[in-house]
Amino acid sequence: MRFLRKTKNKKDTNGGRPKKRVKIGGLRPRNLKYYIGETLRSIVRNKIMSLTSMATVASCLLIVIFSYAIASNVNHLLAYIETSVGITVFVEDDLNDTQADILFRGVLALDNVADAQFITPEEALENMAYMLGDTEGILASFIYDNPLRRSFTIQLHDIRQQRQVVDIIWSMYGVGNIVEASDFTDFLVTTNNFVGIFSFVIILILGVLSVVIITNTIKLTVASRRNEIIIMKYVGATDWFIKWPFVIEGIFIGVIGAIIPLAISWVSYDNLIGSIMGSSHFLEQLPFRSASDIFPIFTPVTIILGATIGLLGSIMSMRKYLNA
């Protein structure tokens, strides 16, 4: 009777209503330690699948880094050609000054031409003497018998259209010769396009594969904890209290899979560029971008991509096996 009276009193203090079951869940600081602990235990428990997932994500993002590095250097080289190399057009010797001026104005009026500078034979001789570092000797030798032609240099808005501009200039009357880098420019553009398309296909395949492997990894974790999950739901754990460790696990796998190729690429990039530049005197003159130019900007993007791939794997797994 005493037990019954105590029970009755407890019920009365709640206004005659049965007590509500306490829900356990939410991404709260007090739960974070539990989530991280469960994530680490899950990764250790399924270490083979976890490592496979990380390796697949790393392979996918390594190609992303490789493609970005090539595209960044190609665009940098194209910008260098636009501002430093340009096109030099030499005027036929038998053209008078009026005809040469008409040719110059016709070239300057072309759509893709940003700027043009006319260079007289005397200015060309001074420039050559300055470049060779023997100003007085060269000028003294050729000042009365200058072999250099009149010419003008051209800067383009878009170096990718260099060949089209050169073809138009060749069709103009009075052009004696043209010095340009259209072959090298076409090679850079073709390489950039090929790498972009090839990388997109491989990244798409590896990205899907990464999501599938992460999904299977988390599926194994869910299966191994099925009884525990049922008990947790029975005692009042919310759905998200159960799901957060799996979400964190997927993101963790993706982030680690991003950090691995970033570290490898960052360390080896400058050595690789140094080897490329040292293989040819021509390549040695080109302004390749350094690791400090590329990776500080690209690092957060790569980590976010890795985390997104891991998150997608988690969501797909939870929707299928936790009725999310």
Protein backbone atom coordinates (compact mmCIF):
# COMPACT_ATOMS: atom_id res chain seq x y z
CA MET A 1 0.00 0.00 0.00
CA ARG A 2 2.81 2.36 0.80
CA PHE A 3 4.31 1.66 -2.68
CA LEU A 4 0.95 2.31 -4.31
CA ARG A 5 0.49 5.57 -2.46
CA LYS A 6 3.95 6.76 -3.54
CA THR A 7 3.17 5.87 -7.13
CA LYS A 8 -0.13 7.67 -6.98
CA ASN A 9 1.48 10.78 -5.55
CA LYS A 10 3.97 10.86 -8.39
CA LYS A 11 1.19 10.62 -10.89
CA ASP A 12 -0.74 13.39 -9.21
CA THR A 13 2.22 15.79 -9.32
CA ASN A 14 2.09 15.54 -13.11
CA GLY A 15 -1.53 16.62 -13.24
CA GLY A 16 -2.82 13.10 -13.70
CA ARG A 17 -0.99 12.68 -17.01
CA PRO A 18 1.73 10.06 -17.66
CA LYS A 19 5.22 11.44 -17.96
CA LYS A 20 6.53 12.12 -21.47
CA ARG A 21 9.43 10.05 -22.69
CA VAL A 22 12.58 12.14 -22.86
CA LYS A 23 14.00 12.49 -26.38
CA ILE A 24 17.75 12.12 -26.74
CA GLY A 25 19.27 13.84 -29.73
CA GLY A 26 20.50 16.93 -31.53
CA LEU A 27 23.91 18.24 -32.48
CA ARG A 28 24.71 19.61 -29.04
CA PRO A 29 28.15 20.10 -27.49
CA ARG A 30 27.44 17.44 -24.87
CA ASN A 31 26.61 14.93 -27.63
CA LEU A 32 29.54 15.87 -29.89
CA LYS A 33 32.03 13.78 -27.94
CA TYR A 34 29.77 10.75 -28.34
CA TYR A 35 29.37 11.37 -32.10
CA ILE A 36 33.11 11.68 -32.68
CA GLY A 37 33.82 8.60 -30.58
CA GLU A 38 31.28 6.55 -32.53
CA THR A 39 32.73 7.84 -35.81
CA LEU A 40 36.27 6.79 -34.91
CA ARG A 41 35.12 3.39 -33.62
CA SER A 42 33.17 2.82 -36.83
CA ILE A 43 36.16 3.70 -39.02
CA VAL A 44 38.43 1.34 -37.04
CA ARG A 45 35.78 -1.40 -37.09
CA ASN A 46 35.46 -1.20 -40.90
CA LYS A 47 39.00 -0.08 -41.61
CA ILE A 48 39.33 -1.85 -44.96
CA MET A 49 36.24 -0.22 -46.44
CA SER A 50 37.10 3.11 -44.81
CA LEU A 51 40.59 3.10 -46.30
CA THR A 52 39.16 2.10 -49.67
CA SER A 53 36.72 4.99 -49.50
CA MET A 54 39.48 7.45 -48.59
CA ALA A 55 41.71 6.15 -51.40
CA THR A 56 38.93 6.49 -53.97
CA VAL A 57 38.09 10.03 -52.88
CA ALA A 58 41.83 10.86 -52.91
CA SER A 59 42.17 9.52 -56.48
CA CYS A 60 39.20 11.58 -57.63
CA LEU A 61 40.47 14.79 -56.04
CA LEU A 62 44.05 14.18 -57.21
CA ILE A 63 42.74 14.38 -60.78
CA VAL A 64 40.83 17.55 -59.86
CA ILE A 65 44.06 19.09 -58.52
CA PHE A 66 46.02 17.92 -61.56
CA SER A 67 43.45 19.40 -63.96
CA TYR A 68 43.29 22.69 -62.09
CA ALA A 69 47.09 23.00 -62.04
CA ILE A 70 47.28 22.44 -65.81
CA ALA A 71 44.41 24.84 -66.54
CA SER A 72 45.88 27.48 -64.24
CA ASN A 73 49.31 27.28 -65.90
CA VAL A 74 47.84 27.26 -69.43
CA ASN A 75 45.76 30.38 -68.72
CA HIS A 76 48.81 32.01 -67.12
CA LEU A 77 50.95 31.23 -70.18
CA LEU A 78 48.26 32.49 -72.55
CA ALA A 79 48.07 35.74 -70.59
CA TYR A 80 51.87 35.99 -70.77
CA ILE A 81 51.79 35.53 -74.54
CA GLU A 82 49.07 38.20 -74.86
CA THR A 83 51.12 40.78 -72.96
CA SER A 84 54.72 39.81 -73.78
CA VAL A 85 54.95 37.94 -77.06
CA GLY A 86 52.15 39.27 -79.26
CA ILE A 87 52.44 39.41 -83.06
CA THR A 88 55.08 41.27 -85.04
CA VAL A 89 54.19 42.30 -88.61
CA PHE A 90 57.01 43.38 -90.97
CA VAL A 91 56.19 45.82 -93.79
CA GLU A 92 57.39 45.28 -97.34
CA ASP A 93 60.35 47.51 -98.23
CA ASP A 94 58.73 48.90 -101.42
CA LEU A 95 55.76 50.39 -99.53
CA ASN A 96 55.87 54.15 -99.05
CA ASP A 97 55.01 55.76 -95.70
CA THR A 98 51.39 56.43 -96.67
CA GLN A 99 50.79 52.80 -97.69
CA ALA A 100 52.50 51.57 -94.53
CA ASP A 101 50.26 53.82 -92.45
CA ILE A 102 47.16 52.47 -94.24
CA LEU A 103 48.28 48.91 -93.47
CA PHE A 104 48.90 49.82 -89.84
CA ARG A 105 45.45 51.40 -89.44
CA GLY A 106 43.78 48.43 -91.15
CA VAL A 107 45.40 46.01 -88.68
CA LEU A 108 44.54 48.23 -85.72
CA ALA A 109 40.87 48.22 -86.80
CA LEU A 110 40.56 44.42 -86.60
CA ASP A 111 38.05 43.20 -83.96
CA ASN A 112 40.41 41.16 -81.79
CA VAL A 113 43.31 43.64 -81.87
CA ALA A 114 43.66 45.43 -78.53
CA ASP A 115 46.63 47.64 -79.39
CA ALA A 116 49.35 48.09 -81.99
CA GLN A 117 52.63 50.00 -81.99
CA PHE A 118 54.47 51.12 -85.13
CA ILE A 119 58.25 50.64 -85.01
CA THR A 120 60.56 52.46 -87.42
CA PRO A 121 63.83 50.83 -88.64
CA GLU A 122 65.77 53.22 -86.38
CA GLU A 123 63.71 52.24 -83.32
CA ALA A 124 64.10 48.56 -84.21
CA LEU A 125 67.89 49.00 -84.40
CA GLU A 126 67.98 50.71 -81.01
CA ASN A 127 65.84 47.96 -79.47
CA MET A 128 68.08 45.22 -80.89
CA ALA A 129 71.19 47.01 -79.66
CA TYR A 130 69.70 47.34 -76.18
CA MET A 131 68.73 43.66 -76.06
CA LEU A 132 72.25 42.59 -77.12
CA GLY A 133 73.89 44.97 -74.67
CA ASP A 134 76.22 46.54 -77.25
CA THR A 135 74.44 49.79 -78.04
CA GLU A 136 77.34 51.90 -79.31
CA GLY A 137 78.93 49.19 -81.46
CA ILE A 138 75.74 48.11 -83.20
CA LEU A 139 74.42 51.59 -83.74
CA ALA A 140 77.77 52.74 -85.08
CA SER A 141 77.94 49.83 -87.54
CA PHE A 142 74.45 50.10 -89.03
CA ILE A 143 73.29 53.63 -88.43
CA TYR A 144 73.90 54.60 -92.11
CA ASP A 145 72.97 51.21 -93.60
CA ASN A 146 70.12 49.89 -91.47
CA PRO A 147 69.02 46.39 -92.61
CA LEU A 148 65.90 46.30 -90.40
CA ARG A 149 62.38 46.75 -91.76
CA ARG A 150 59.50 48.85 -90.60
CA SER A 151 57.22 46.79 -88.38
CA PHE A 152 54.49 46.99 -85.80
CA THR A 153 53.68 44.82 -82.80
CA ILE A 154 50.13 43.75 -82.02
CA GLN A 155 48.44 42.84 -78.73
CA LEU A 156 45.23 40.80 -78.87
CA HIS A 157 42.15 40.74 -76.67
CA ASP A 158 41.99 36.94 -76.85
CA ILE A 159 45.19 35.07 -77.72
CA ARG A 160 43.12 31.96 -78.51
CA GLN A 161 42.04 33.66 -81.76
CA GLN A 162 45.60 34.45 -82.80
CA ARG A 163 45.61 32.19 -85.86
CA GLN A 164 42.45 33.79 -87.28
CA VAL A 165 43.95 37.27 -86.86
CA VAL A 166 47.23 36.19 -88.49
CA ASP A 167 45.36 34.74 -91.48
CA ILE A 168 43.51 38.04 -91.98
CA ILE A 169 46.73 40.09 -91.74
CA TRP A 170 48.46 37.84 -94.30
CA SER A 171 45.71 38.71 -96.77
CA MET A 172 46.47 42.45 -96.51
CA TYR A 173 48.58 44.23 -99.09
CA GLY A 174 52.14 45.12 -98.07
CA VAL A 175 52.79 42.46 -95.42
CA GLY A 176 56.35 41.14 -95.77
CA ASN A 177 56.49 38.69 -92.87
CA ILE A 178 54.76 37.86 -89.60
CA VAL A 179 56.38 36.53 -86.43
CA GLU A 180 53.82 34.92 -84.13
CA ALA A 181 53.30 32.00 -81.77
CA SER A 182 50.04 30.56 -83.09
CA ASP A 183 51.38 26.98 -83.16
CA PHE A 184 52.38 27.17 -79.51
CA THR A 185 49.10 28.89 -78.62
CA ASP A 186 47.06 26.25 -80.45
CA PHE A 187 49.00 23.53 -78.62
CA LEU A 188 48.23 25.13 -75.24
CA VAL A 189 44.53 25.57 -76.03
CA THR A 190 44.20 22.00 -77.38
CA THR A 191 46.00 20.58 -74.35
CA ASN A 192 43.80 22.57 -72.00
CA ASN A 193 40.60 21.41 -73.74
CA PHE A 194 41.69 17.77 -73.80
CA VAL A 195 42.71 17.75 -70.15
CA GLY A 196 39.43 19.46 -69.21
CA ILE A 197 37.22 16.93 -71.03
CA PHE A 198 39.27 13.88 -70.01
CA SER A 199 39.44 15.00 -66.39
CA PHE A 200 35.69 15.71 -66.26
CA VAL A 201 34.87 12.17 -67.40
CA ILE A 202 37.33 10.54 -64.97
CA ILE A 203 36.24 12.78 -62.09
CA LEU A 204 32.60 11.94 -62.76
CA ILE A 205 33.33 8.19 -62.73
CA LEU A 206 35.51 8.32 -59.62
CA GLY A 207 33.09 10.69 -57.88
CA VAL A 208 30.19 8.28 -58.35
CA LEU A 209 32.42 5.38 -57.30
CA SER A 210 33.48 7.28 -54.17
CA VAL A 211 29.87 7.92 -53.17
CA VAL A 212 28.96 4.24 -53.72
CA ILE A 213 31.91 2.96 -51.67
CA ILE A 214 31.22 5.39 -48.81
CA THR A 215 27.56 4.32 -48.91
CA ASN A 216 28.58 0.67 -48.59
CA THR A 217 31.03 1.51 -45.81
CA ILE A 218 28.31 3.18 -43.76
CA LYS A 219 25.92 0.36 -44.63
CA LEU A 220 28.30 -2.07 -42.91
CA THR A 221 28.37 0.19 -39.85
CA VAL A 222 24.58 0.35 -39.74
CA ALA A 223 24.32 -3.44 -40.05
CA SER A 224 26.84 -4.02 -37.25
CA ARG A 225 24.95 -1.64 -34.95
CA ARG A 226 21.40 -2.64 -35.88
CA ASN A 227 20.49 -4.01 -32.44
CA GLU A 228 22.05 -1.01 -30.73
CA ILE A 229 20.06 1.34 -32.97
CA ILE A 230 16.81 -0.45 -32.13
CA ILE A 231 17.52 -0.13 -28.41
CA MET A 232 18.43 3.56 -28.76
CA LYS A 233 15.13 4.25 -30.54
CA TYR A 234 13.25 2.32 -27.85
CA VAL A 235 14.71 4.40 -25.01
CA GLY A 236 13.89 7.68 -26.76
CA ALA A 237 16.85 8.60 -29.00
CA THR A 238 15.83 10.87 -31.87
CA ASP A 239 16.51 9.89 -35.46
CA TRP A 240 19.23 12.52 -35.81
CA PHE A 241 20.95 11.40 -32.63
CA ILE A 242 21.39 8.05 -34.40
CA LYS A 243 22.25 9.56 -37.77
CA TRP A 244 24.84 12.19 -36.78
CA PRO A 245 27.71 9.68 -36.29
CA PHE A 246 27.14 8.36 -39.81
CA VAL A 247 27.02 11.89 -41.24
CA ILE A 248 30.25 12.80 -39.47
CA GLU A 249 31.84 9.53 -40.62
CA GLY A 250 31.09 10.28 -44.28
CA ILE A 251 32.38 13.85 -44.00
CA PHE A 252 35.47 12.65 -42.13
CA ILE A 253 36.27 10.09 -44.85
CA GLY A 254 35.80 12.76 -47.55
CA VAL A 255 37.98 15.34 -45.78
CA ILE A 256 40.82 12.87 -45.16
CA GLY A 257 40.49 11.77 -48.79
CA ALA A 258 40.97 15.42 -49.78
CA ILE A 259 43.88 16.17 -47.46
CA ILE A 260 45.98 13.24 -48.75
CA PRO A 261 46.21 14.39 -52.43
CA LEU A 262 46.56 18.02 -51.32
CA ALA A 263 49.60 17.19 -49.18
CA ILE A 264 51.19 15.03 -51.88
CA SER A 265 50.56 17.60 -54.64
CA TRP A 266 51.69 20.60 -52.62
CA VAL A 267 55.00 18.95 -51.70
CA SER A 268 55.76 17.59 -55.17
CA TYR A 269 54.40 20.40 -57.39
CA ASP A 270 57.42 22.73 -57.33
CA ASN A 271 59.80 19.80 -57.92
CA LEU A 272 57.72 18.69 -60.90
CA ILE A 273 57.65 22.19 -62.40
CA GLY A 274 61.41 22.49 -61.83
CA SER A 275 61.97 19.22 -63.73
CA ILE A 276 59.77 20.41 -66.62
CA MET A 277 61.57 23.75 -66.88
CA GLY A 278 64.98 22.09 -66.67
CA SER A 279 64.18 19.71 -69.55
CA SER A 280 64.31 22.46 -72.19
CA HIS A 281 65.84 25.91 -72.59
CA PHE A 282 62.59 27.09 -74.19
CA LEU A 283 60.46 25.85 -71.27
CA GLU A 284 62.88 27.44 -68.83
CA GLN A 285 61.89 30.87 -70.15
CA LEU A 286 58.17 30.36 -69.53
CA PRO A 287 56.53 31.75 -66.37
CA PHE A 288 54.95 28.71 -64.70
CA ARG A 289 52.91 29.29 -61.56
CA SER A 290 54.36 28.19 -58.23
CA ALA A 291 52.69 26.06 -55.56
CA SER A 292 52.23 29.13 -53.37
CA ASP A 293 50.17 30.71 -56.18
CA ILE A 294 47.83 27.74 -56.64
CA PHE A 295 47.30 25.75 -53.45
CA PRO A 296 46.35 28.41 -50.87
CA ILE A 297 43.38 29.28 -53.08
CA PHE A 298 42.49 25.73 -54.14
CA THR A 299 42.92 23.99 -50.74
CA PRO A 300 39.54 25.01 -49.22
CA VAL A 301 37.78 24.15 -52.49
CA THR A 302 39.29 20.64 -52.48
CA ILE A 303 38.39 20.02 -48.83
CA ILE A 304 34.81 21.18 -49.43
CA LEU A 305 34.57 18.84 -52.46
CA GLY A 306 35.81 15.93 -50.36
CA ALA A 307 33.38 16.71 -47.55
CA THR A 308 30.53 16.99 -50.07
CA ILE A 309 31.32 13.58 -51.59
CA GLY A 310 31.38 12.05 -48.09
CA LEU A 311 28.13 13.77 -47.15
CA LEU A 312 26.41 12.46 -50.28
CA GLY A 313 27.52 8.94 -49.40
CA SER A 314 26.14 9.36 -45.87
CA ILE A 315 22.80 10.73 -47.03
CA MET A 316 22.31 7.96 -49.59
CA SER A 317 23.14 5.33 -46.99
CA MET A 318 20.80 6.80 -44.38
CA ARG A 319 17.91 7.15 -46.80
CA LYS A 320 18.19 3.52 -47.70
CA TYR A 321 19.00 1.95 -44.36
CA LEU A 322 17.73 4.39 -41.70
CA ASN A 323 14.51 5.54 -43.43
CA ALA A 324 15.73 9.19 -43.61
